[in-house]
Amino acid sequence: MDKLTGTARKHLRGLAHRLSPVVIIGYEGVSDSVIKTIAKALDDHELIKVKFNKFKEEKKPLSLDIETKTKSHMVGLIGNVAIFYKQNPDEKKRKITLN
């Protein structure tokens, strides 16, 4: 998927406002199992929040690592919560449409 425009990012942040975090980063950090969990959540929901309970000081580089490993887009980083988006490759299963 191509880069997201500023307008698309803003739209996705607005949609994410009502969402609760589906993955919480704890003592294990960003392990392979956490990456798999995030990838599965992105496949299921397209737009998710990830909360950093631990490693708060490293949240930006860890979020960029998650973005790379899950092939998703980090839409925003607000406080200790990162918002990720990954468009479903199957058009029939897409829940979010971007202009």
PDB file of N, CA and C in Angstrom:
ATOM      1  N   MET A   1       0.830  -1.180   0.000  1.00  0.00           N
ATOM      2  CA  MET A   1       0.000   0.000   0.000  1.00  0.00           C
ATOM      3  C   MET A   1       0.873   1.242   0.000  1.00  0.00           C
ATOM      4  N   ASP A   2       0.415   2.269  -0.679  1.00  0.00           N
ATOM      5  CA  ASP A   2       1.157   3.520  -0.769  1.00  0.00           C
ATOM      6  C   ASP A   2       1.148   4.262   0.562  1.00  0.00           C
ATOM      7  N   LYS A   3       1.920   5.341   0.592  1.00  0.00           N
ATOM      8  CA  LYS A   3       1.925   6.192   1.772  1.00  0.00           C
ATOM      9  C   LYS A   3       0.548   6.801   1.978  1.00  0.00           C
ATOM     10  N   LEU A   4       0.200   7.028   3.227  1.00  0.00           N
ATOM     11  CA  LEU A   4      -1.073   7.663   3.545  1.00  0.00           C
ATOM     12  C   LEU A   4      -0.928   9.179   3.478  1.00  0.00           C
ATOM     13  N   THR A   5      -1.954   9.834   2.990  1.00  0.00           N
ATOM     14  CA  THR A   5      -1.957  11.293   2.967  1.00  0.00           C
ATOM     15  C   THR A   5      -2.253  11.818   4.366  1.00  0.00           C
ATOM     16  N   GLY A   6      -1.991  13.075   4.576  1.00  0.00           N
ATOM     17  CA  GLY A   6      -2.294  13.700   5.861  1.00  0.00           C
ATOM     18  C   GLY A   6      -3.776  13.642   6.183  1.00  0.00           C
ATOM     19  N   THR A   7      -4.603  13.820   5.157  1.00  0.00           N
ATOM     20  CA  THR A   7      -6.051  13.766   5.343  1.00  0.00           C
ATOM     21  C   THR A   7      -6.484  12.363   5.762  1.00  0.00           C
ATOM     22  N   ALA A   8      -5.909  11.341   5.140  1.00  0.00           N
ATOM     23  CA  ALA A   8      -6.246   9.957   5.486  1.00  0.00           C
ATOM     24  C   ALA A   8      -5.818   9.649   6.917  1.00  0.00           C
ATOM     25  N   ARG A   9      -4.631  10.107   7.299  1.00  0.00           N
ATOM     26  CA  ARG A   9      -4.153   9.888   8.669  1.00  0.00           C
ATOM     27  C   ARG A   9      -5.084  10.555   9.682  1.00  0.00           C
ATOM     28  N   LYS A  10      -5.506  11.767   9.387  1.00  0.00           N
ATOM     29  CA  LYS A  10      -6.403  12.497  10.279  1.00  0.00           C
ATOM     30  C   LYS A  10      -7.740  11.757  10.403  1.00  0.00           C
ATOM     31  N   HIS A  11      -8.251  11.264   9.289  1.00  0.00           N
ATOM     32  CA  HIS A  11      -9.504  10.504   9.285  1.00  0.00           C
ATOM     33  C   HIS A  11      -9.375   9.238  10.134  1.00  0.00           C
ATOM     34  N   LEU A  12      -8.264   8.527   9.984  1.00  0.00           N
ATOM     35  CA  LEU A  12      -8.039   7.298  10.734  1.00  0.00           C
ATOM     36  C   LEU A  12      -7.873   7.570  12.230  1.00  0.00           C
ATOM     37  N   ARG A  13      -7.200   8.664  12.586  1.00  0.00           N
ATOM     38  CA  ARG A  13      -7.074   9.032  13.999  1.00  0.00           C
ATOM     39  C   ARG A  13      -8.445   9.318  14.602  1.00  0.00           C
ATOM     40  N   GLY A  14      -9.304   9.945  13.816  1.00  0.00           N
ATOM     41  CA  GLY A  14     -10.666  10.208  14.272  1.00  0.00           C
ATOM     42  C   GLY A  14     -11.444   8.921  14.500  1.00  0.00           C
ATOM     43  N   LEU A  15     -11.290   7.966  13.594  1.00  0.00           N
ATOM     44  CA  LEU A  15     -11.954   6.669  13.757  1.00  0.00           C
ATOM     45  C   LEU A  15     -11.403   5.916  14.968  1.00  0.00           C
ATOM     46  N   ALA A  16     -10.126   6.077  15.234  1.00  0.00           N
ATOM     47  CA  ALA A  16      -9.483   5.355  16.335  1.00  0.00           C
ATOM     48  C   ALA A  16      -9.844   5.937  17.698  1.00  0.00           C
ATOM     49  N   HIS A  17     -10.353   7.141  17.714  1.00  0.00           N
ATOM     50  CA  HIS A  17     -10.651   7.812  18.983  1.00  0.00           C
ATOM     51  C   HIS A  17     -11.549   6.957  19.878  1.00  0.00           C
ATOM     52  N   ARG A  18     -12.526   6.290  19.303  1.00  0.00           N
ATOM     53  CA  ARG A  18     -13.487   5.497  20.078  1.00  0.00           C
ATOM     54  C   ARG A  18     -12.980   4.093  20.414  1.00  0.00           C
ATOM     55  N   LEU A  19     -11.846   3.702  19.863  1.00  0.00           N
ATOM     56  CA  LEU A  19     -11.314   2.356  20.069  1.00  0.00           C
ATOM     57  C   LEU A  19     -10.544   2.233  21.378  1.00  0.00           C
ATOM     58  N   SER A  20     -10.562   1.041  21.938  1.00  0.00           N
ATOM     59  CA  SER A  20      -9.732   0.719  23.096  1.00  0.00           C
ATOM     60  C   SER A  20      -8.489  -0.020  22.603  1.00  0.00           C
ATOM     61  N   PRO A  21      -7.376   0.075  23.336  1.00  0.00           N
ATOM     62  CA  PRO A  21      -6.185  -0.670  22.930  1.00  0.00           C
ATOM     63  C   PRO A  21      -6.446  -2.180  22.909  1.00  0.00           C
ATOM     64  N   VAL A  22      -5.996  -2.843  21.854  1.00  0.00           N
ATOM     65  CA  VAL A  22      -6.175  -4.294  21.744  1.00  0.00           C
ATOM     66  C   VAL A  22      -4.914  -5.050  22.140  1.00  0.00           C
ATOM     67  N   VAL A  23      -3.784  -4.366  22.147  1.00  0.00           N
ATOM     68  CA  VAL A  23      -2.517  -4.977  22.558  1.00  0.00           C
ATOM     69  C   VAL A  23      -1.848  -4.028  23.535  1.00  0.00           C
ATOM     70  N   ILE A  24      -1.317  -4.594  24.611  1.00  0.00           N
ATOM     71  CA  ILE A  24      -0.609  -3.794  25.610  1.00  0.00           C
ATOM     72  C   ILE A  24       0.821  -4.306  25.701  1.00  0.00           C
ATOM     73  N   ILE A  25       1.761  -3.390  25.542  1.00  0.00           N
ATOM     74  CA  ILE A  25       3.184  -3.727  25.613  1.00  0.00           C
ATOM     75  C   ILE A  25       3.592  -3.703  27.083  1.00  0.00           C
ATOM     76  N   GLY A  26       4.019  -4.874  27.588  1.00  0.00           N
ATOM     77  CA  GLY A  26       4.398  -4.990  28.987  1.00  0.00           C
ATOM     78  C   GLY A  26       5.865  -5.325  29.141  1.00  0.00           C
ATOM     79  N   TYR A  27       6.155  -6.145  30.140  1.00  0.00           N
ATOM     80  CA  TYR A  27       7.548  -6.472  30.472  1.00  0.00           C
ATOM     81  C   TYR A  27       8.294  -7.185  29.359  1.00  0.00           C
ATOM     82  N   GLU A  28       7.602  -7.951  28.520  1.00  0.00           N
ATOM     83  CA  GLU A  28       8.272  -8.681  27.440  1.00  0.00           C
ATOM     84  C   GLU A  28       8.741  -7.757  26.330  1.00  0.00           C
ATOM     85  N   GLY A  29       8.164  -6.571  26.244  1.00  0.00           N
ATOM     86  CA  GLY A  29       8.515  -5.654  25.171  1.00  0.00           C
ATOM     87  C   GLY A  29       7.878  -6.088  23.864  1.00  0.00           C
ATOM     88  N   VAL A  30       8.515  -5.742  22.769  1.00  0.00           N
ATOM     89  CA  VAL A  30       7.992  -6.078  21.445  1.00  0.00           C
ATOM     90  C   VAL A  30       8.667  -7.370  20.977  1.00  0.00           C
ATOM     91  N   SER A  31       8.162  -8.479  21.484  1.00  0.00           N
ATOM     92  CA  SER A  31       8.700  -9.797  21.130  1.00  0.00           C
ATOM     93  C   SER A  31       8.021 -10.296  19.859  1.00  0.00           C
ATOM     94  N   ASP A  32       8.494 -11.424  19.361  1.00  0.00           N
ATOM     95  CA  ASP A  32       7.896 -12.022  18.162  1.00  0.00           C
ATOM     96  C   ASP A  32       6.424 -12.362  18.384  1.00  0.00           C
ATOM     97  N   SER A  33       6.095 -12.842  19.570  1.00  0.00           N
ATOM     98  CA  SER A  33       4.691 -13.184  19.850  1.00  0.00           C
ATOM     99  C   SER A  33       3.815 -11.938  19.874  1.00  0.00           C
ATOM    100  N   VAL A  34       4.347 -10.831  20.356  1.00  0.00           N
ATOM    101  CA  VAL A  34       3.592  -9.570  20.358  1.00  0.00           C
ATOM    102  C   VAL A  34       3.394  -9.088  18.923  1.00  0.00           C
ATOM    103  N   ILE A  35       4.406  -9.202  18.098  1.00  0.00           N
ATOM    104  CA  ILE A  35       4.288  -8.814  16.684  1.00  0.00           C
ATOM    105  C   ILE A  35       3.219  -9.658  15.999  1.00  0.00           C
ATOM    106  N   LYS A  36       3.206 -10.969  16.274  1.00  0.00           N
ATOM    107  CA  LYS A  36       2.193 -11.847  15.680  1.00  0.00           C
ATOM    108  C   LYS A  36       0.792 -11.456  16.136  1.00  0.00           C
ATOM    109  N   THR A  37       0.658 -11.105  17.399  1.00  0.00           N
ATOM    110  CA  THR A  37      -0.630 -10.686  17.936  1.00  0.00           C
ATOM    111  C   THR A  37      -1.101  -9.394  17.274  1.00  0.00           C
ATOM    112  N   ILE A  38      -0.190  -8.455  17.108  1.00  0.00           N
ATOM    113  CA  ILE A  38      -0.529  -7.188  16.453  1.00  0.00           C
ATOM    114  C   ILE A  38      -0.907  -7.429  14.993  1.00  0.00           C
ATOM    115  N   ALA A  39      -0.149  -8.265  14.301  1.00  0.00           N
ATOM    116  CA  ALA A  39      -0.449  -8.573  12.893  1.00  0.00           C
ATOM    117  C   ALA A  39      -1.821  -9.218  12.761  1.00  0.00           C
ATOM    118  N   LYS A  40      -2.157 -10.126  13.663  1.00  0.00           N
ATOM    119  CA  LYS A  40      -3.473 -10.782  13.644  1.00  0.00           C
ATOM    120  C   LYS A  40      -4.582  -9.761  13.911  1.00  0.00           C
ATOM    121  N   ALA A  41      -4.365  -8.881  14.867  1.00  0.00           N
ATOM    122  CA  ALA A  41      -5.355  -7.849  15.181  1.00  0.00           C
ATOM    123  C   ALA A  41      -5.549  -6.907  13.991  1.00  0.00           C
ATOM    124  N   LEU A  42      -4.476  -6.578  13.291  1.00  0.00           N
ATOM    125  CA  LEU A  42      -4.585  -5.722  12.101  1.00  0.00           C
ATOM    126  C   LEU A  42      -5.350  -6.432  10.991  1.00  0.00           C
ATOM    127  N   ASP A  43      -5.123  -7.722  10.831  1.00  0.00           N
ATOM    128  CA  ASP A  43      -5.869  -8.498   9.832  1.00  0.00           C
ATOM    129  C   ASP A  43      -7.356  -8.520  10.157  1.00  0.00           C
ATOM    130  N   ASP A  44      -7.667  -8.607  11.448  1.00  0.00           N
ATOM    131  CA  ASP A  44      -9.066  -8.680  11.870  1.00  0.00           C
ATOM    132  C   ASP A  44      -9.779  -7.331  11.854  1.00  0.00           C
ATOM    133  N   HIS A  45      -9.064  -6.276  12.265  1.00  0.00           N
ATOM    134  CA  HIS A  45      -9.714  -4.978  12.490  1.00  0.00           C
ATOM    135  C   HIS A  45      -9.269  -3.843  11.564  1.00  0.00           C
ATOM    136  N   GLU A  46      -8.130  -3.949  10.944  1.00  0.00           N
ATOM    137  CA  GLU A  46      -7.513  -2.931  10.087  1.00  0.00           C
ATOM    138  C   GLU A  46      -6.956  -1.744  10.875  1.00  0.00           C
ATOM    139  N   LEU A  47      -7.661  -1.279  11.890  1.00  0.00           N
ATOM    140  CA  LEU A  47      -7.244  -0.107  12.665  1.00  0.00           C
ATOM    141  C   LEU A  47      -7.229  -0.501  14.138  1.00  0.00           C
ATOM    142  N   ILE A  48      -6.054  -0.377  14.778  1.00  0.00           N
ATOM    143  CA  ILE A  48      -5.937  -0.786  16.182  1.00  0.00           C
ATOM    144  C   ILE A  48      -5.118   0.226  16.971  1.00  0.00           C
ATOM    145  N   LYS A  49      -5.263   0.127  18.283  1.00  0.00           N
ATOM    146  CA  LYS A  49      -4.428   0.891  19.205  1.00  0.00           C
ATOM    147  C   LYS A  49      -3.545  -0.083  19.976  1.00  0.00           C
ATOM    148  N   VAL A  50      -2.316   0.344  20.220  1.00  0.00           N
ATOM    149  CA  VAL A  50      -1.367  -0.427  21.019  1.00  0.00           C
ATOM    150  C   VAL A  50      -0.906   0.484  22.151  1.00  0.00           C
ATOM    151  N   LYS A  51      -1.076   0.021  23.387  1.00  0.00           N
ATOM    152  CA  LYS A  51      -0.703   0.833  24.548  1.00  0.00           C
ATOM    153  C   LYS A  51       0.625   0.358  25.114  1.00  0.00           C
ATOM    154  N   PHE A  52       1.462   1.311  25.485  1.00  0.00           N
ATOM    155  CA  PHE A  52       2.756   1.016  26.094  1.00  0.00           C
ATOM    156  C   PHE A  52       2.647   1.210  27.603  1.00  0.00           C
ATOM    157  N   ASN A  53       2.538   0.094  28.356  1.00  0.00           N
ATOM    158  CA  ASN A  53       2.575   0.177  29.817  1.00  0.00           C
ATOM    159  C   ASN A  53       4.022   0.220  30.304  1.00  0.00           C
ATOM    160  N   LYS A  54       4.885  -0.438  29.586  1.00  0.00           N
ATOM    161  CA  LYS A  54       6.323  -0.431  29.863  1.00  0.00           C
ATOM    162  C   LYS A  54       7.025   0.067  28.605  1.00  0.00           C
ATOM    163  N   PHE A  55       8.304   0.360  28.720  1.00  0.00           N
ATOM    164  CA  PHE A  55       9.117   0.854  27.596  1.00  0.00           C
ATOM    165  C   PHE A  55       8.556   2.177  27.040  1.00  0.00           C
ATOM    166  N   LYS A  56       8.000   3.005  27.916  1.00  0.00           N
ATOM    167  CA  LYS A  56       7.391   4.262  27.481  1.00  0.00           C
ATOM    168  C   LYS A  56       8.414   5.207  26.862  1.00  0.00           C
ATOM    169  N   GLU A  57       9.646   5.145  27.334  1.00  0.00           N
ATOM    170  CA  GLU A  57      10.685   6.026  26.798  1.00  0.00           C
ATOM    171  C   GLU A  57      11.076   5.645  25.381  1.00  0.00           C
ATOM    172  N   GLU A  58      10.907   4.372  25.028  1.00  0.00           N
ATOM    173  CA  GLU A  58      11.281   3.885  23.695  1.00  0.00           C
ATOM    174  C   GLU A  58      10.074   3.681  22.789  1.00  0.00           C
ATOM    175  N   LYS A  59       8.943   4.285  23.108  1.00  0.00           N
ATOM    176  CA  LYS A  59       7.720   3.998  22.344  1.00  0.00           C
ATOM    177  C   LYS A  59       7.812   4.399  20.879  1.00  0.00           C
ATOM    178  N   LYS A  60       8.496   5.488  20.566  1.00  0.00           N
ATOM    179  CA  LYS A  60       8.573   5.895  19.156  1.00  0.00           C
ATOM    180  C   LYS A  60       9.395   4.905  18.329  1.00  0.00           C
ATOM    181  N   PRO A  61      10.634   4.560  18.730  1.00  0.00           N
ATOM    182  CA  PRO A  61      11.371   3.573  17.926  1.00  0.00           C
ATOM    183  C   PRO A  61      10.705   2.198  17.917  1.00  0.00           C
ATOM    184  N   LEU A  62      10.081   1.810  19.033  1.00  0.00           N
ATOM    185  CA  LEU A  62       9.378   0.523  19.057  1.00  0.00           C
ATOM    186  C   LEU A  62       8.172   0.545  18.124  1.00  0.00           C
ATOM    187  N   SER A  63       7.476   1.676  18.067  1.00  0.00           N
ATOM    188  CA  SER A  63       6.329   1.802  17.161  1.00  0.00           C
ATOM    189  C   SER A  63       6.771   1.723  15.711  1.00  0.00           C
ATOM    190  N   LEU A  64       7.894   2.334  15.391  1.00  0.00           N
ATOM    191  CA  LEU A  64       8.420   2.263  14.023  1.00  0.00           C
ATOM    192  C   LEU A  64       8.834   0.831  13.686  1.00  0.00           C
ATOM    193  N   ASP A  65       9.355   0.113  14.685  1.00  0.00           N
ATOM    194  CA  ASP A  65       9.712  -1.297  14.497  1.00  0.00           C
ATOM    195  C   ASP A  65       8.458  -2.133  14.239  1.00  0.00           C
ATOM    196  N   ILE A  66       7.402  -1.880  15.001  1.00  0.00           N
ATOM    197  CA  ILE A  66       6.127  -2.586  14.798  1.00  0.00           C
ATOM    198  C   ILE A  66       5.594  -2.293  13.405  1.00  0.00           C
ATOM    199  N   GLU A  67       5.662  -1.033  13.010  1.00  0.00           N
ATOM    200  CA  GLU A  67       5.185  -0.614  11.682  1.00  0.00           C
ATOM    201  C   GLU A  67       5.904  -1.390  10.580  1.00  0.00           C
ATOM    202  N   THR A  68       7.203  -1.515  10.706  1.00  0.00           N
ATOM    203  CA  THR A  68       8.000  -2.213   9.706  1.00  0.00           C
ATOM    204  C   THR A  68       7.702  -3.710   9.695  1.00  0.00           C
ATOM    205  N   LYS A  69       7.688  -4.318  10.867  1.00  0.00           N
ATOM    206  CA  LYS A  69       7.507  -5.773  10.945  1.00  0.00           C
ATOM    207  C   LYS A  69       6.100  -6.227  10.568  1.00  0.00           C
ATOM    208  N   THR A  70       5.094  -5.379  10.779  1.00  0.00           N
ATOM    209  CA  THR A  70       3.716  -5.762  10.436  1.00  0.00           C
ATOM    210  C   THR A  70       3.297  -5.221   9.074  1.00  0.00           C
ATOM    211  N   LYS A  71       4.178  -4.452   8.439  1.00  0.00           N
ATOM    212  CA  LYS A  71       3.880  -3.831   7.141  1.00  0.00           C
ATOM    213  C   LYS A  71       2.597  -3.003   7.217  1.00  0.00           C
ATOM    214  N   SER A  72       2.511  -2.225   8.283  1.00  0.00           N
ATOM    215  CA  SER A  72       1.350  -1.376   8.508  1.00  0.00           C
ATOM    216  C   SER A  72       1.795   0.089   8.487  1.00  0.00           C
ATOM    217  N   HIS A  73       0.845   0.974   8.776  1.00  0.00           N
ATOM    218  CA  HIS A  73       1.138   2.404   8.877  1.00  0.00           C
ATOM    219  C   HIS A  73       0.870   2.849  10.300  1.00  0.00           C
ATOM    220  N   MET A  74       1.834   3.560  10.894  1.00  0.00           N
ATOM    221  CA  MET A  74       1.577   4.176  12.185  1.00  0.00           C
ATOM    222  C   MET A  74       0.866   5.497  11.887  1.00  0.00           C
ATOM    223  N   VAL A  75      -0.376   5.574  12.301  1.00  0.00           N
ATOM    224  CA  VAL A  75      -1.212   6.736  12.002  1.00  0.00           C
ATOM    225  C   VAL A  75      -0.978   7.850  13.005  1.00  0.00           C
ATOM    226  N   GLY A  76      -0.676   7.475  14.229  1.00  0.00           N
ATOM    227  CA  GLY A  76      -0.446   8.481  15.255  1.00  0.00           C
ATOM    228  C   GLY A  76       0.136   7.870  16.508  1.00  0.00           C
ATOM    229  N   LEU A  77       0.712   8.754  17.324  1.00  0.00           N
ATOM    230  CA  LEU A  77       1.266   8.357  18.605  1.00  0.00           C
ATOM    231  C   LEU A  77       0.809   9.414  19.595  1.00  0.00           C
ATOM    232  N   ILE A  78      -0.168   9.063  20.405  1.00  0.00           N
ATOM    233  CA  ILE A  78      -0.767  10.011  21.329  1.00  0.00           C
ATOM    234  C   ILE A  78      -0.535   9.507  22.748  1.00  0.00           C
ATOM    235  N   GLY A  79       0.243  10.236  23.513  1.00  0.00           N
ATOM    236  CA  GLY A  79       0.595   9.777  24.858  1.00  0.00           C
ATOM    237  C   GLY A  79       1.370   8.484  24.766  1.00  0.00           C
ATOM    238  N   ASN A  80       0.868   7.461  25.435  1.00  0.00           N
ATOM    239  CA  ASN A  80       1.515   6.142  25.412  1.00  0.00           C
ATOM    240  C   ASN A  80       0.753   5.155  24.538  1.00  0.00           C
ATOM    241  N   VAL A  81      -0.012   5.676  23.585  1.00  0.00           N
ATOM    242  CA  VAL A  81      -0.816   4.834  22.708  1.00  0.00           C
ATOM    243  C   VAL A  81      -0.448   5.113  21.249  1.00  0.00           C
ATOM    244  N   ALA A  82      -0.124   4.042  20.527  1.00  0.00           N
ATOM    245  CA  ALA A  82       0.175   4.146  19.100  1.00  0.00           C
ATOM    246  C   ALA A  82      -1.009   3.593  18.315  1.00  0.00           C
ATOM    247  N   ILE A  83      -1.306   4.227  17.185  1.00  0.00           N
ATOM    248  CA  ILE A  83      -2.415   3.813  16.329  1.00  0.00           C
ATOM    249  C   ILE A  83      -1.826   3.281  15.029  1.00  0.00           C
ATOM    250  N   PHE A  84      -2.246   2.063  14.665  1.00  0.00           N
ATOM    251  CA  PHE A  84      -1.753   1.415  13.455  1.00  0.00           C
ATOM    252  C   PHE A  84      -2.902   1.084  12.522  1.00  0.00           C
ATOM    253  N   TYR A  85      -2.620   1.178  11.217  1.00  0.00           N
ATOM    254  CA  TYR A  85      -3.603   0.852  10.189  1.00  0.00           C
ATOM    255  C   TYR A  85      -2.954  -0.026   9.136  1.00  0.00           C
ATOM    256  N   LYS A  86      -3.681  -1.059   8.744  1.00  0.00           N
ATOM    257  CA  LYS A  86      -3.241  -1.906   7.633  1.00  0.00           C
ATOM    258  C   LYS A  86      -4.483  -2.313   6.856  1.00  0.00           C
ATOM    259  N   GLN A  87      -4.539  -1.885   5.612  1.00  0.00           N
ATOM    260  CA  GLN A  87      -5.688  -2.180   4.770  1.00  0.00           C
ATOM    261  C   GLN A  87      -5.747  -3.676   4.475  1.00  0.00           C
ATOM    262  N   ASN A  88      -6.946  -4.238   4.594  1.00  0.00           N
ATOM    263  CA  ASN A  88      -7.145  -5.650   4.293  1.00  0.00           C
ATOM    264  C   ASN A  88      -6.975  -5.855   2.791  1.00  0.00           C
ATOM    265  N   PRO A  89      -6.165  -6.828   2.380  1.00  0.00           N
ATOM    266  CA  PRO A  89      -5.957  -7.042   0.943  1.00  0.00           C
ATOM    267  C   PRO A  89      -7.216  -7.514   0.210  1.00  0.00           C
ATOM    268  N   ASP A  90      -8.141  -8.139   0.929  1.00  0.00           N
ATOM    269  CA  ASP A  90      -9.393  -8.611   0.332  1.00  0.00           C
ATOM    270  C   ASP A  90     -10.426  -7.482   0.380  1.00  0.00           C
ATOM    271  N   GLU A  91     -10.800  -6.974  -0.789  1.00  0.00           N
ATOM    272  CA  GLU A  91     -11.727  -5.841  -0.856  1.00  0.00           C
ATOM    273  C   GLU A  91     -13.050  -6.123  -0.159  1.00  0.00           C
ATOM    274  N   LYS A  92     -13.498  -7.359  -0.168  1.00  0.00           N
ATOM    275  CA  LYS A  92     -14.778  -7.719   0.454  1.00  0.00           C
ATOM    276  C   LYS A  92     -14.722  -7.646   1.977  1.00  0.00           C
ATOM    277  N   LYS A  93     -13.530  -7.801   2.535  1.00  0.00           N
ATOM    278  CA  LYS A  93     -13.380  -7.807   3.991  1.00  0.00           C
ATOM    279  C   LYS A  93     -12.976  -6.446   4.553  1.00  0.00           C
ATOM    280  N   ARG A  94     -12.778  -5.458   3.705  1.00  0.00           N
ATOM    281  CA  ARG A  94     -12.363  -4.140   4.182  1.00  0.00           C
ATOM    282  C   ARG A  94     -13.459  -3.464   4.983  1.00  0.00           C
ATOM    283  N   LYS A  95     -13.075  -2.934   6.110  1.00  0.00           N
ATOM    284  CA  LYS A  95     -14.029  -2.246   6.985  1.00  0.00           C
ATOM    285  C   LYS A  95     -13.899  -0.734   6.863  1.00  0.00           C
ATOM    286  N   ILE A  96     -12.744  -0.282   6.412  1.00  0.00           N
ATOM    287  CA  ILE A  96     -12.468   1.152   6.314  1.00  0.00           C
ATOM    288  C   ILE A  96     -12.152   1.500   4.872  1.00  0.00           C
ATOM    289  N   THR A  97     -12.801   2.535   4.364  1.00  0.00           N
ATOM    290  CA  THR A  97     -12.506   3.004   3.015  1.00  0.00           C
ATOM    291  C   THR A  97     -11.860   4.380   3.114  1.00  0.00           C
ATOM    292  N   LEU A  98     -10.791   4.558   2.370  1.00  0.00           N
ATOM    293  CA  LEU A  98     -10.096   5.838   2.318  1.00  0.00           C
ATOM    294  C   LEU A  98     -10.256   6.420   0.911  1.00  0.00           C
ATOM    295  N   ASN A  99     -10.437   7.717   0.848  1.00  0.00           N
ATOM    296  CA  ASN A  99     -10.579   8.390  -0.458  1.00  0.00           C
ATOM    297  C   ASN A  99      -9.241   8.686  -1.064  1.00  0.00           C
TER     298      ASN A  99
END
